[in-house]
Amino acid sequence: MFYLAVASVGIYGIIFGGWAGNSAYALLGGLRSTAHMISYELVLSGAALGALLLASSFNLSLIISLQSYIWFAVPLIPLFLIFLISGLAEINRTPFDLVEAESELVSGFMTEHGGFVFVFYFLAEYSNIALISAISATLWLGGYTLPIIDEPIYLSGIVLGVKALLLVLTVIWVRGTLPRLRFDQLMYACWSIFLPLVFALVTLIFSLYVLTN
């Protein structure tokens, strides 16, 4: 939960960046981007809650060790897919890159920024891709372990790195394949489809947990 909270701090940078631009377009872009990221933060955290309930722990090492025979992504594949989709929205990647809507609000909250400031925004966005990919590999794909195979300890970092890299490549593949959504479609998908579905699935997992214990 700490890692998810740290990933959410970037929302402040977006709203402050739009406000500091001293432009109506940049401010509107910042407000819209903030609404978009806060909305999908709920879906992302709710989907992660499914994996935490299945493990009955917040300890990342225990969550990884429990996936030594089967990854959580297999029995909880709907939540895993929702986590990946909301992760794309959280890191502002296509088709959820409304943060940089050049055709609607020029370049969003970054309209008035360039040079060193723009480089920091750019680096933060791509660092967020690596962070979300690593969290996804840890919660859903067994982290640094492989099912059934007992790999040497010195290969653990390589295994986690390969899994995270495959997720990063998936993000790049989606960016080059899908078109951008409209803002109303983006918010409708969050509040009317993903969020109720996540709540229903998490409630089902919790009910099964209570019944089996």
N, C-alpha and C. Protein backbone atom coordinates (compact mmCIF):
# COMPACT_ATOMS: atom_id res chain seq x y z
N MET A 1 0.82 -1.20 0.00
CA MET A 1 0.00 0.00 0.00
C MET A 1 0.86 1.26 0.00
N PHE A 2 2.04 1.14 0.63
CA PHE A 2 2.97 2.29 0.62
C PHE A 2 3.41 2.61 -0.80
N TYR A 3 3.72 1.58 -1.59
CA TYR A 3 4.16 1.81 -2.96
C TYR A 3 3.06 2.44 -3.80
N LEU A 4 1.82 1.99 -3.61
CA LEU A 4 0.70 2.59 -4.34
C LEU A 4 0.49 4.04 -3.93
N ALA A 5 0.70 4.33 -2.62
CA ALA A 5 0.55 5.70 -2.14
C ALA A 5 1.64 6.60 -2.73
N VAL A 6 2.86 6.09 -2.81
CA VAL A 6 3.95 6.88 -3.39
C VAL A 6 3.68 7.16 -4.87
N ALA A 7 3.15 6.15 -5.57
CA ALA A 7 2.84 6.34 -6.99
C ALA A 7 1.76 7.41 -7.19
N SER A 8 0.91 7.61 -6.18
CA SER A 8 -0.18 8.59 -6.29
C SER A 8 0.29 10.02 -6.09
N VAL A 9 1.48 10.21 -5.55
CA VAL A 9 1.98 11.56 -5.27
C VAL A 9 2.14 12.36 -6.56
N GLY A 10 2.33 11.67 -7.69
CA GLY A 10 2.49 12.37 -8.96
C GLY A 10 1.30 13.22 -9.35
N ILE A 11 0.13 12.94 -8.77
CA ILE A 11 -1.06 13.75 -9.06
C ILE A 11 -0.83 15.20 -8.66
N TYR A 12 -0.13 15.41 -7.54
CA TYR A 12 0.14 16.78 -7.08
C TYR A 12 1.00 17.53 -8.10
N GLY A 13 1.98 16.83 -8.68
CA GLY A 13 2.83 17.47 -9.67
C GLY A 13 2.06 17.93 -10.89
N ILE A 14 1.03 17.15 -11.27
CA ILE A 14 0.24 17.51 -12.45
C ILE A 14 -0.63 18.73 -12.18
N ILE A 15 -1.33 18.75 -11.04
CA ILE A 15 -2.21 19.89 -10.76
C ILE A 15 -1.40 21.15 -10.52
N PHE A 16 -0.25 21.03 -9.83
CA PHE A 16 0.59 22.21 -9.60
C PHE A 16 1.24 22.69 -10.90
N GLY A 17 1.60 21.72 -11.77
CA GLY A 17 2.19 22.11 -13.05
C GLY A 17 1.21 22.86 -13.92
N GLY A 18 -0.06 22.41 -13.95
CA GLY A 18 -1.07 23.12 -14.72
C GLY A 18 -1.36 24.50 -14.16
N TRP A 19 -1.38 24.61 -12.85
CA TRP A 19 -1.65 25.89 -12.19
C TRP A 19 -0.50 26.87 -12.40
N ALA A 20 0.74 26.36 -12.30
CA ALA A 20 1.91 27.22 -12.43
C ALA A 20 2.12 27.72 -13.85
N GLY A 21 1.47 27.09 -14.83
CA GLY A 21 1.63 27.51 -16.21
C GLY A 21 1.02 28.86 -16.51
N ASN A 22 0.14 29.37 -15.62
CA ASN A 22 -0.50 30.68 -15.80
C ASN A 22 -1.23 30.76 -17.14
N SER A 23 -1.91 29.65 -17.48
CA SER A 23 -2.66 29.59 -18.73
C SER A 23 -3.96 28.85 -18.48
N ALA A 24 -5.03 29.35 -19.07
CA ALA A 24 -6.34 28.70 -18.88
C ALA A 24 -6.32 27.27 -19.44
N TYR A 25 -5.65 27.08 -20.57
CA TYR A 25 -5.60 25.74 -21.17
C TYR A 25 -4.80 24.77 -20.30
N ALA A 26 -3.67 25.25 -19.77
CA ALA A 26 -2.85 24.40 -18.91
C ALA A 26 -3.60 24.06 -17.62
N LEU A 27 -4.34 25.02 -17.05
CA LEU A 27 -5.09 24.77 -15.83
C LEU A 27 -6.21 23.76 -16.07
N LEU A 28 -6.93 23.93 -17.18
CA LEU A 28 -7.99 22.96 -17.52
C LEU A 28 -7.40 21.57 -17.76
N GLY A 29 -6.25 21.51 -18.42
CA GLY A 29 -5.60 20.23 -18.64
C GLY A 29 -5.18 19.58 -17.33
N GLY A 30 -4.68 20.39 -16.39
CA GLY A 30 -4.29 19.86 -15.09
C GLY A 30 -5.47 19.35 -14.29
N LEU A 31 -6.58 20.10 -14.31
CA LEU A 31 -7.78 19.67 -13.57
C LEU A 31 -8.35 18.38 -14.16
N ARG A 32 -8.40 18.32 -15.47
CA ARG A 32 -8.95 17.13 -16.12
C ARG A 32 -8.05 15.91 -15.87
N SER A 33 -6.74 16.12 -15.94
CA SER A 33 -5.81 15.02 -15.69
C SER A 33 -5.89 14.55 -14.25
N THR A 34 -6.09 15.48 -13.31
CA THR A 34 -6.21 15.10 -11.90
C THR A 34 -7.46 14.25 -11.67
N ALA A 35 -8.59 14.65 -12.26
CA ALA A 35 -9.83 13.87 -12.13
C ALA A 35 -9.65 12.47 -12.71
N HIS A 36 -8.97 12.40 -13.84
CA HIS A 36 -8.72 11.12 -14.51
C HIS A 36 -7.86 10.20 -13.64
N MET A 37 -6.77 10.73 -13.07
CA MET A 37 -5.85 9.88 -12.31
C MET A 37 -6.42 9.46 -10.96
N ILE A 38 -7.15 10.38 -10.29
CA ILE A 38 -7.76 10.02 -9.01
C ILE A 38 -8.82 8.94 -9.22
N SER A 39 -9.59 9.04 -10.28
CA SER A 39 -10.64 8.05 -10.55
C SER A 39 -10.05 6.66 -10.73
N TYR A 40 -9.01 6.55 -11.55
CA TYR A 40 -8.43 5.23 -11.80
C TYR A 40 -7.55 4.75 -10.65
N GLU A 41 -7.17 5.67 -9.75
CA GLU A 41 -6.46 5.23 -8.55
C GLU A 41 -7.35 4.33 -7.69
N LEU A 42 -8.65 4.63 -7.65
CA LEU A 42 -9.59 3.79 -6.90
C LEU A 42 -9.67 2.39 -7.49
N VAL A 43 -9.73 2.31 -8.82
CA VAL A 43 -9.80 1.01 -9.48
C VAL A 43 -8.51 0.23 -9.26
N LEU A 44 -7.38 0.90 -9.38
CA LEU A 44 -6.09 0.24 -9.21
C LEU A 44 -5.94 -0.33 -7.79
N SER A 45 -6.28 0.47 -6.79
CA SER A 45 -6.17 0.01 -5.41
C SER A 45 -7.16 -1.10 -5.11
N GLY A 46 -8.37 -1.00 -5.67
CA GLY A 46 -9.37 -2.04 -5.46
C GLY A 46 -8.96 -3.37 -6.06
N ALA A 47 -8.37 -3.32 -7.26
CA ALA A 47 -7.91 -4.57 -7.89
C ALA A 47 -6.76 -5.18 -7.10
N ALA A 48 -5.86 -4.33 -6.59
CA ALA A 48 -4.75 -4.85 -5.77
C ALA A 48 -5.26 -5.48 -4.49
N LEU A 49 -6.39 -4.97 -3.98
CA LEU A 49 -6.97 -5.53 -2.76
C LEU A 49 -7.35 -7.00 -2.94
N GLY A 50 -7.74 -7.38 -4.16
CA GLY A 50 -8.07 -8.78 -4.42
C GLY A 50 -6.89 -9.70 -4.18
N ALA A 51 -5.70 -9.31 -4.65
CA ALA A 51 -4.50 -10.11 -4.41
C ALA A 51 -4.13 -10.13 -2.94
N LEU A 52 -4.30 -9.00 -2.26
CA LEU A 52 -3.98 -8.94 -0.83
C LEU A 52 -4.92 -9.81 -0.01
N LEU A 53 -6.20 -9.85 -0.40
CA LEU A 53 -7.15 -10.72 0.30
C LEU A 53 -6.82 -12.18 0.09
N LEU A 54 -6.42 -12.52 -1.13
CA LEU A 54 -6.07 -13.92 -1.41
C LEU A 54 -4.85 -14.36 -0.61
N ALA A 55 -3.91 -13.43 -0.41
CA ALA A 55 -2.71 -13.76 0.37
C ALA A 55 -2.94 -13.57 1.86
N SER A 56 -3.98 -12.83 2.24
CA SER A 56 -4.27 -12.52 3.65
C SER A 56 -3.07 -11.85 4.33
N SER A 57 -2.37 -11.02 3.55
CA SER A 57 -1.19 -10.35 4.10
C SER A 57 -0.82 -9.17 3.24
N PHE A 58 -0.16 -8.18 3.88
CA PHE A 58 0.41 -7.04 3.15
C PHE A 58 1.91 -7.24 2.91
N ASN A 59 2.46 -8.33 3.39
CA ASN A 59 3.88 -8.60 3.27
C ASN A 59 4.21 -9.07 1.86
N LEU A 60 5.04 -8.31 1.16
CA LEU A 60 5.34 -8.64 -0.24
C LEU A 60 6.08 -9.97 -0.37
N SER A 61 6.98 -10.26 0.57
CA SER A 61 7.71 -11.53 0.50
C SER A 61 6.76 -12.72 0.64
N LEU A 62 5.77 -12.59 1.55
CA LEU A 62 4.80 -13.67 1.72
C LEU A 62 3.91 -13.80 0.49
N ILE A 63 3.51 -12.67 -0.08
CA ILE A 63 2.67 -12.70 -1.29
C ILE A 63 3.41 -13.42 -2.42
N ILE A 64 4.70 -13.14 -2.55
CA ILE A 64 5.49 -13.79 -3.61
C ILE A 64 5.64 -15.29 -3.33
N SER A 65 5.92 -15.65 -2.08
CA SER A 65 6.12 -17.07 -1.75
C SER A 65 4.84 -17.89 -1.94
N LEU A 66 3.68 -17.27 -1.74
CA LEU A 66 2.42 -17.98 -1.94
C LEU A 66 2.14 -18.27 -3.42
N GLN A 67 2.89 -17.62 -4.31
CA GLN A 67 2.71 -17.84 -5.74
C GLN A 67 3.75 -18.80 -6.30
N SER A 68 4.36 -19.62 -5.44
CA SER A 68 5.40 -20.54 -5.90
C SER A 68 4.84 -21.67 -6.75
N TYR A 69 3.53 -21.94 -6.63
CA TYR A 69 2.91 -23.02 -7.42
C TYR A 69 2.00 -22.48 -8.52
N ILE A 70 1.32 -21.38 -8.23
CA ILE A 70 0.45 -20.78 -9.25
C ILE A 70 0.38 -19.27 -9.00
N TRP A 71 0.50 -18.50 -10.07
CA TRP A 71 0.44 -17.04 -9.94
C TRP A 71 -0.98 -16.60 -9.63
N PHE A 72 -1.12 -15.53 -8.88
CA PHE A 72 -2.45 -14.98 -8.56
C PHE A 72 -3.18 -14.53 -9.82
N ALA A 73 -2.44 -14.24 -10.88
CA ALA A 73 -3.08 -13.78 -12.12
C ALA A 73 -3.94 -14.86 -12.76
N VAL A 74 -3.69 -16.11 -12.43
CA VAL A 74 -4.46 -17.21 -13.04
C VAL A 74 -5.85 -17.32 -12.44
N PRO A 75 -6.01 -17.50 -11.11
CA PRO A 75 -7.38 -17.58 -10.57
C PRO A 75 -8.10 -16.23 -10.55
N LEU A 76 -7.34 -15.14 -10.54
CA LEU A 76 -7.95 -13.80 -10.47
C LEU A 76 -7.70 -13.03 -11.75
N ILE A 77 -7.83 -13.69 -12.88
CA ILE A 77 -7.49 -13.04 -14.15
C ILE A 77 -8.36 -11.81 -14.44
N PRO A 78 -9.66 -11.77 -14.06
CA PRO A 78 -10.40 -10.51 -14.30
C PRO A 78 -9.80 -9.33 -13.54
N LEU A 79 -9.44 -9.54 -12.27
CA LEU A 79 -8.83 -8.47 -11.49
C LEU A 79 -7.45 -8.10 -12.03
N PHE A 80 -6.72 -9.10 -12.50
CA PHE A 80 -5.40 -8.84 -13.07
C PHE A 80 -5.51 -7.96 -14.32
N LEU A 81 -6.46 -8.26 -15.19
CA LEU A 81 -6.64 -7.46 -16.40
C LEU A 81 -7.11 -6.04 -16.05
N ILE A 82 -8.01 -5.93 -15.08
CA ILE A 82 -8.46 -4.61 -14.65
C ILE A 82 -7.30 -3.82 -14.05
N PHE A 83 -6.44 -4.51 -13.28
CA PHE A 83 -5.26 -3.85 -12.70
C PHE A 83 -4.36 -3.31 -13.79
N LEU A 84 -4.13 -4.10 -14.85
CA LEU A 84 -3.28 -3.66 -15.95
C LEU A 84 -3.90 -2.47 -16.68
N ILE A 85 -5.21 -2.54 -16.92
CA ILE A 85 -5.88 -1.45 -17.64
C ILE A 85 -5.85 -0.16 -16.82
N SER A 86 -6.18 -0.27 -15.53
CA SER A 86 -6.14 0.92 -14.67
C SER A 86 -4.71 1.41 -14.48
N GLY A 87 -3.73 0.48 -14.54
CA GLY A 87 -2.33 0.89 -14.50
C GLY A 87 -1.96 1.74 -15.70
N LEU A 88 -2.46 1.36 -16.88
CA LEU A 88 -2.24 2.17 -18.08
C LEU A 88 -2.82 3.57 -17.91
N ALA A 89 -4.02 3.64 -17.31
CA ALA A 89 -4.64 4.95 -17.08
C ALA A 89 -3.85 5.75 -16.05
N GLU A 90 -3.33 5.06 -15.03
CA GLU A 90 -2.60 5.74 -13.96
C GLU A 90 -1.27 6.33 -14.47
N ILE A 91 -0.64 5.66 -15.41
CA ILE A 91 0.64 6.15 -15.94
C ILE A 91 0.46 6.92 -17.24
N ASN A 92 -0.80 7.21 -17.58
CA ASN A 92 -1.13 8.09 -18.71
C ASN A 92 -0.62 7.55 -20.05
N ARG A 93 -0.82 6.28 -20.26
CA ARG A 93 -0.43 5.67 -21.53
C ARG A 93 -1.66 5.45 -22.40
N THR A 94 -1.46 5.39 -23.71
CA THR A 94 -2.53 5.12 -24.66
C THR A 94 -3.22 3.80 -24.29
N PRO A 95 -4.57 3.75 -24.34
CA PRO A 95 -5.52 4.75 -24.86
C PRO A 95 -6.03 5.73 -23.81
N PHE A 96 -5.32 5.84 -22.68
CA PHE A 96 -5.78 6.72 -21.60
C PHE A 96 -4.87 7.93 -21.43
N ASP A 97 -4.21 8.38 -22.49
CA ASP A 97 -3.26 9.48 -22.36
C ASP A 97 -3.94 10.83 -22.56
N LEU A 98 -5.04 11.04 -21.86
CA LEU A 98 -5.74 12.33 -21.93
C LEU A 98 -4.95 13.43 -21.27
N VAL A 99 -3.93 13.07 -20.50
CA VAL A 99 -3.07 14.08 -19.89
C VAL A 99 -2.37 14.91 -20.96
N GLU A 100 -2.02 14.27 -22.08
CA GLU A 100 -1.35 14.97 -23.17
C GLU A 100 -2.28 14.99 -24.39
N ALA A 101 -3.41 15.64 -24.24
CA ALA A 101 -4.41 15.65 -25.32
C ALA A 101 -4.13 16.82 -26.26
N GLU A 102 -3.18 16.63 -27.17
CA GLU A 102 -2.77 17.72 -28.06
C GLU A 102 -3.93 18.22 -28.92
N SER A 103 -4.83 17.31 -29.31
CA SER A 103 -5.91 17.71 -30.21
C SER A 103 -7.05 18.42 -29.50
N GLU A 104 -7.05 18.41 -28.15
CA GLU A 104 -8.17 19.00 -27.42
C GLU A 104 -7.74 20.21 -26.58
N LEU A 105 -6.70 20.03 -25.75
CA LEU A 105 -6.24 21.11 -24.88
C LEU A 105 -4.74 21.32 -25.11
N VAL A 106 -4.40 21.62 -26.35
CA VAL A 106 -3.00 21.75 -26.76
C VAL A 106 -2.18 20.61 -26.14
N SER A 107 -1.29 20.88 -25.19
CA SER A 107 -0.51 19.79 -24.60
C SER A 107 -0.83 19.61 -23.13
N GLY A 108 -2.07 19.90 -22.74
CA GLY A 108 -2.50 19.66 -21.37
C GLY A 108 -1.75 20.50 -20.36
N PHE A 109 -1.45 19.93 -19.21
CA PHE A 109 -0.83 20.70 -18.13
C PHE A 109 0.61 21.09 -18.45
N MET A 110 1.23 20.47 -19.47
CA MET A 110 2.62 20.77 -19.82
C MET A 110 2.74 21.85 -20.89
N THR A 111 1.63 22.50 -21.24
CA THR A 111 1.64 23.45 -22.35
C THR A 111 2.68 24.54 -22.19
N GLU A 112 2.80 25.10 -20.99
CA GLU A 112 3.69 26.23 -20.76
C GLU A 112 5.07 25.83 -20.25
N HIS A 113 5.35 24.53 -20.21
CA HIS A 113 6.62 24.08 -19.65
C HIS A 113 7.50 23.50 -20.74
N GLY A 114 8.78 23.70 -20.59
CA GLY A 114 9.74 23.17 -21.54
C GLY A 114 11.09 23.01 -20.88
N GLY A 115 12.06 22.51 -21.63
CA GLY A 115 13.41 22.38 -21.11
C GLY A 115 13.52 21.45 -19.93
N PHE A 116 14.14 21.93 -18.85
CA PHE A 116 14.46 21.11 -17.70
C PHE A 116 13.20 20.61 -17.00
N VAL A 117 12.19 21.47 -16.88
CA VAL A 117 10.94 21.09 -16.21
C VAL A 117 10.24 19.98 -17.00
N PHE A 118 10.20 20.12 -18.32
CA PHE A 118 9.58 19.09 -19.15
C PHE A 118 10.32 17.76 -19.03
N VAL A 119 11.64 17.82 -18.94
CA VAL A 119 12.44 16.59 -18.80
C VAL A 119 12.07 15.86 -17.51
N PHE A 120 11.87 16.61 -16.42
CA PHE A 120 11.48 15.98 -15.16
C PHE A 120 10.12 15.31 -15.27
N TYR A 121 9.16 15.97 -15.92
CA TYR A 121 7.85 15.35 -16.13
C TYR A 121 7.98 14.08 -16.97
N PHE A 122 8.79 14.16 -17.99
CA PHE A 122 8.99 13.02 -18.88
C PHE A 122 9.62 11.84 -18.14
N LEU A 123 10.66 12.13 -17.35
CA LEU A 123 11.32 11.07 -16.58
C LEU A 123 10.38 10.47 -15.53
N ALA A 124 9.57 11.32 -14.88
CA ALA A 124 8.64 10.82 -13.87
C ALA A 124 7.61 9.89 -14.49
N GLU A 125 7.14 10.23 -15.69
CA GLU A 125 6.14 9.40 -16.36
C GLU A 125 6.70 8.02 -16.70
N TYR A 126 7.92 7.98 -17.21
CA TYR A 126 8.50 6.69 -17.57
C TYR A 126 8.98 5.91 -16.36
N SER A 127 9.36 6.60 -15.30
CA SER A 127 9.68 5.90 -14.05
C SER A 127 8.44 5.24 -13.48
N ASN A 128 7.30 5.90 -13.65
CA ASN A 128 6.03 5.35 -13.18
C ASN A 128 5.67 4.07 -13.93
N ILE A 129 6.03 4.00 -15.21
CA ILE A 129 5.79 2.77 -15.99
C ILE A 129 6.57 1.62 -15.38
N ALA A 130 7.85 1.86 -15.05
CA ALA A 130 8.67 0.81 -14.45
C ALA A 130 8.13 0.41 -13.08
N LEU A 131 7.65 1.39 -12.29
CA LEU A 131 7.12 1.09 -10.95
C LEU A 131 5.86 0.24 -11.02
N ILE A 132 4.91 0.63 -11.87
CA ILE A 132 3.66 -0.12 -11.99
C ILE A 132 3.93 -1.52 -12.53
N SER A 133 4.88 -1.65 -13.47
CA SER A 133 5.22 -2.97 -14.01
C SER A 133 5.82 -3.86 -12.93
N ALA A 134 6.68 -3.30 -12.09
CA ALA A 134 7.29 -4.09 -11.01
C ALA A 134 6.24 -4.50 -9.97
N ILE A 135 5.32 -3.58 -9.64
CA ILE A 135 4.25 -3.92 -8.69
C ILE A 135 3.35 -5.00 -9.27
N SER A 136 3.02 -4.89 -10.56
CA SER A 136 2.17 -5.90 -11.20
C SER A 136 2.85 -7.26 -11.19
N ALA A 137 4.15 -7.29 -11.50
CA ALA A 137 4.88 -8.56 -11.49
C ALA A 137 4.94 -9.16 -10.09
N THR A 138 5.01 -8.31 -9.08
CA THR A 138 5.08 -8.79 -7.70
C THR A 138 3.75 -9.33 -7.21
N LEU A 139 2.67 -8.59 -7.44
CA LEU A 139 1.36 -8.97 -6.91
C LEU A 139 0.72 -10.11 -7.69
N TRP A 140 0.96 -10.17 -9.00
CA TRP A 140 0.18 -11.07 -9.84
C TRP A 140 1.00 -12.15 -10.53
N LEU A 141 2.30 -11.93 -10.73
CA LEU A 141 3.10 -12.86 -11.55
C LEU A 141 4.22 -13.52 -10.76
N GLY A 142 4.07 -13.58 -9.45
CA GLY A 142 5.03 -14.33 -8.65
C GLY A 142 6.33 -13.63 -8.33
N GLY A 143 6.46 -12.35 -8.69
CA GLY A 143 7.67 -11.61 -8.34
C GLY A 143 8.93 -12.25 -8.86
N TYR A 144 9.86 -12.57 -7.95
CA TYR A 144 11.15 -13.11 -8.35
C TYR A 144 11.18 -14.63 -8.36
N THR A 145 10.01 -15.29 -8.33
CA THR A 145 9.96 -16.76 -8.37
C THR A 145 9.31 -17.25 -9.66
N LEU A 146 9.56 -18.50 -9.98
CA LEU A 146 8.90 -19.18 -11.09
C LEU A 146 8.12 -20.36 -10.54
N PRO A 147 6.91 -20.63 -11.06
CA PRO A 147 6.10 -21.73 -10.54
C PRO A 147 6.84 -23.07 -10.60
N ILE A 148 6.86 -23.76 -9.47
CA ILE A 148 7.41 -25.12 -9.34
C ILE A 148 8.95 -25.14 -9.44
N ILE A 149 9.54 -24.27 -10.28
CA ILE A 149 10.99 -24.27 -10.48
C ILE A 149 11.65 -23.56 -9.30
N ASP A 150 12.65 -24.19 -8.73
CA ASP A 150 13.41 -23.60 -7.62
C ASP A 150 14.70 -23.02 -8.19
N GLU A 151 14.61 -21.75 -8.62
CA GLU A 151 15.77 -21.13 -9.26
C GLU A 151 16.79 -20.68 -8.21
N PRO A 152 18.06 -20.60 -8.58
CA PRO A 152 19.08 -20.10 -7.65
C PRO A 152 18.80 -18.67 -7.21
N ILE A 153 19.27 -18.31 -6.03
CA ILE A 153 18.97 -17.01 -5.46
C ILE A 153 19.52 -15.88 -6.32
N TYR A 154 20.66 -16.10 -7.01
CA TYR A 154 21.26 -15.02 -7.80
C TYR A 154 20.46 -14.72 -9.07
N LEU A 155 19.51 -15.60 -9.43
CA LEU A 155 18.66 -15.35 -10.59
C LEU A 155 17.37 -14.64 -10.24
N SER A 156 17.12 -14.41 -8.95
CA SER A 156 15.85 -13.82 -8.53
C SER A 156 15.63 -12.43 -9.14
N GLY A 157 16.68 -11.60 -9.08
CA GLY A 157 16.55 -10.26 -9.65
C GLY A 157 16.33 -10.29 -11.15
N ILE A 158 16.97 -11.24 -11.82
CA ILE A 158 16.80 -11.36 -13.28
C ILE A 158 15.37 -11.78 -13.61
N VAL A 159 14.81 -12.72 -12.84
CA VAL A 159 13.44 -13.19 -13.09
C VAL A 159 12.46 -12.04 -12.92
N LEU A 160 12.58 -11.27 -11.83
CA LEU A 160 11.68 -10.13 -11.61
C LEU A 160 11.87 -9.08 -12.70
N GLY A 161 13.14 -8.84 -13.09
CA GLY A 161 13.40 -7.85 -14.14
C GLY A 161 12.80 -8.24 -15.47
N VAL A 162 12.87 -9.52 -15.82
CA VAL A 162 12.30 -9.98 -17.10
C VAL A 162 10.79 -9.84 -17.09
N LYS A 163 10.14 -10.19 -15.97
CA LYS A 163 8.69 -10.05 -15.88
C LYS A 163 8.27 -8.59 -16.00
N ALA A 164 8.98 -7.70 -15.30
CA ALA A 164 8.67 -6.27 -15.38
C ALA A 164 8.92 -5.74 -16.79
N LEU A 165 9.99 -6.20 -17.43
CA LEU A 165 10.31 -5.76 -18.79
C LEU A 165 9.24 -6.20 -19.78
N LEU A 166 8.71 -7.41 -19.61
CA LEU A 166 7.64 -7.88 -20.49
C LEU A 166 6.39 -7.02 -20.34
N LEU A 167 6.10 -6.59 -19.11
CA LEU A 167 4.96 -5.70 -18.89
C LEU A 167 5.21 -4.33 -19.50
N VAL A 168 6.44 -3.83 -19.41
CA VAL A 168 6.78 -2.55 -20.05
C VAL A 168 6.62 -2.65 -21.57
N LEU A 169 7.06 -3.76 -22.15
CA LEU A 169 6.89 -3.98 -23.59
C LEU A 169 5.42 -4.06 -23.97
N THR A 170 4.59 -4.63 -23.07
CA THR A 170 3.15 -4.66 -23.32
C THR A 170 2.58 -3.25 -23.36
N VAL A 171 3.04 -2.39 -22.45
CA VAL A 171 2.61 -0.98 -22.44
C VAL A 171 2.97 -0.31 -23.76
N ILE A 172 4.19 -0.55 -24.25
CA ILE A 172 4.64 0.05 -25.52
C ILE A 172 3.82 -0.50 -26.68
N TRP A 173 3.54 -1.79 -26.65
CA TRP A 173 2.73 -2.41 -27.72
C TRP A 173 1.32 -1.82 -27.76
N VAL A 174 0.71 -1.64 -26.59
CA VAL A 174 -0.64 -1.05 -26.53
C VAL A 174 -0.61 0.38 -27.04
N ARG A 175 0.44 1.12 -26.70
CA ARG A 175 0.55 2.52 -27.16
C ARG A 175 0.59 2.61 -28.68
N GLY A 176 1.24 1.66 -29.32
CA GLY A 176 1.34 1.70 -30.77
C GLY A 176 0.17 1.05 -31.49
N THR A 177 -0.81 0.53 -30.73
CA THR A 177 -1.90 -0.22 -31.35
C THR A 177 -3.25 0.47 -31.22
N LEU A 178 -3.57 1.00 -30.04
CA LEU A 178 -4.92 1.50 -29.77
C LEU A 178 -5.00 3.02 -29.91
N PRO A 179 -6.16 3.53 -30.34
CA PRO A 179 -6.35 4.99 -30.41
C PRO A 179 -6.73 5.56 -29.05
N ARG A 180 -6.64 6.87 -28.93
CA ARG A 180 -6.97 7.54 -27.69
C ARG A 180 -8.49 7.62 -27.51
N LEU A 181 -8.94 7.43 -26.27
CA LEU A 181 -10.35 7.56 -25.94
C LEU A 181 -10.71 9.02 -25.71
N ARG A 182 -12.01 9.33 -25.85
CA ARG A 182 -12.49 10.64 -25.42
C ARG A 182 -12.57 10.68 -23.90
N PHE A 183 -12.59 11.89 -23.34
CA PHE A 183 -12.59 12.01 -21.88
C PHE A 183 -13.86 11.44 -21.26
N ASP A 184 -15.01 11.64 -21.92
CA ASP A 184 -16.26 11.10 -21.37
C ASP A 184 -16.25 9.57 -21.41
N GLN A 185 -15.65 8.97 -22.45
CA GLN A 185 -15.53 7.51 -22.51
C GLN A 185 -14.60 7.00 -21.41
N LEU A 186 -13.54 7.76 -21.16
CA LEU A 186 -12.58 7.39 -20.13
C LEU A 186 -13.23 7.34 -18.75
N MET A 187 -14.00 8.37 -18.40
CA MET A 187 -14.62 8.44 -17.08
C MET A 187 -15.79 7.46 -16.98
N TYR A 188 -16.52 7.25 -18.07
CA TYR A 188 -17.61 6.28 -18.05
C TYR A 188 -17.08 4.87 -17.79
N ALA A 189 -15.98 4.52 -18.46
CA ALA A 189 -15.40 3.19 -18.26
C ALA A 189 -14.98 2.99 -16.81
N CYS A 190 -14.47 4.05 -16.17
CA CYS A 190 -14.02 3.94 -14.79
C CYS A 190 -15.19 3.77 -13.83
N TRP A 191 -16.12 4.72 -13.84
CA TRP A 191 -17.16 4.76 -12.81
C TRP A 191 -18.33 3.82 -13.08
N SER A 192 -18.57 3.48 -14.33
CA SER A 192 -19.73 2.65 -14.66
C SER A 192 -19.39 1.20 -14.99
N ILE A 193 -18.12 0.91 -15.27
CA ILE A 193 -17.74 -0.46 -15.63
C ILE A 193 -16.71 -1.03 -14.66
N PHE A 194 -15.53 -0.43 -14.62
CA PHE A 194 -14.43 -1.02 -13.85
C PHE A 194 -14.66 -0.97 -12.34
N LEU A 195 -15.10 0.17 -11.82
CA LEU A 195 -15.23 0.28 -10.36
C LEU A 195 -16.31 -0.64 -9.80
N PRO A 196 -17.54 -0.69 -10.37
CA PRO A 196 -18.51 -1.67 -9.86
C PRO A 196 -18.04 -3.11 -10.01
N LEU A 197 -17.35 -3.42 -11.12
CA LEU A 197 -16.87 -4.77 -11.33
C LEU A 197 -15.81 -5.15 -10.30
N VAL A 198 -14.91 -4.22 -9.99
CA VAL A 198 -13.88 -4.48 -8.97
C VAL A 198 -14.52 -4.71 -7.62
N PHE A 199 -15.47 -3.86 -7.24
CA PHE A 199 -16.15 -4.03 -5.94
C PHE A 199 -16.85 -5.38 -5.86
N ALA A 200 -17.50 -5.79 -6.96
CA ALA A 200 -18.20 -7.08 -6.97
C ALA A 200 -17.22 -8.24 -6.82
N LEU A 201 -16.10 -8.19 -7.54
CA LEU A 201 -15.13 -9.28 -7.47
C LEU A 201 -14.44 -9.34 -6.11
N VAL A 202 -14.10 -8.18 -5.55
CA VAL A 202 -13.45 -8.16 -4.24
C VAL A 202 -14.41 -8.66 -3.16
N THR A 203 -15.69 -8.29 -3.26
CA THR A 203 -16.69 -8.78 -2.31
C THR A 203 -16.85 -10.29 -2.41
N LEU A 204 -16.81 -10.81 -3.65
CA LEU A 204 -16.89 -12.26 -3.85
C LEU A 204 -15.70 -12.97 -3.22
N ILE A 205 -14.51 -12.43 -3.45
CA ILE A 205 -13.30 -13.05 -2.86
C ILE A 205 -13.37 -13.02 -1.34
N PHE A 206 -13.82 -11.89 -0.78
CA PHE A 206 -13.91 -11.79 0.68
C PHE A 206 -14.95 -12.77 1.23
N SER A 207 -16.07 -12.92 0.53
CA SER A 207 -17.10 -13.86 0.97
C SER A 207 -16.58 -15.30 0.96
N LEU A 208 -15.87 -15.66 -0.12
CA LEU A 208 -15.29 -17.00 -0.18
C LEU A 208 -14.24 -17.21 0.91
N TYR A 209 -13.48 -16.17 1.21
CA TYR A 209 -12.48 -16.27 2.26
C TYR A 209 -13.13 -16.52 3.63
N VAL A 210 -14.23 -15.79 3.88
CA VAL A 210 -14.93 -15.96 5.17
C VAL A 210 -15.54 -17.36 5.26
N LEU A 211 -16.14 -17.84 4.17
CA LEU A 211 -16.77 -19.14 4.18
C LEU A 211 -15.76 -20.28 4.37
N THR A 212 -14.58 -20.13 3.80
CA THR A 212 -13.58 -21.20 3.90
C THR A 212 -12.76 -21.13 5.19
N ASN A 213 -12.97 -20.09 5.97
CA ASN A 213 -12.23 -19.99 7.23
C ASN A 213 -13.17 -19.92 8.42
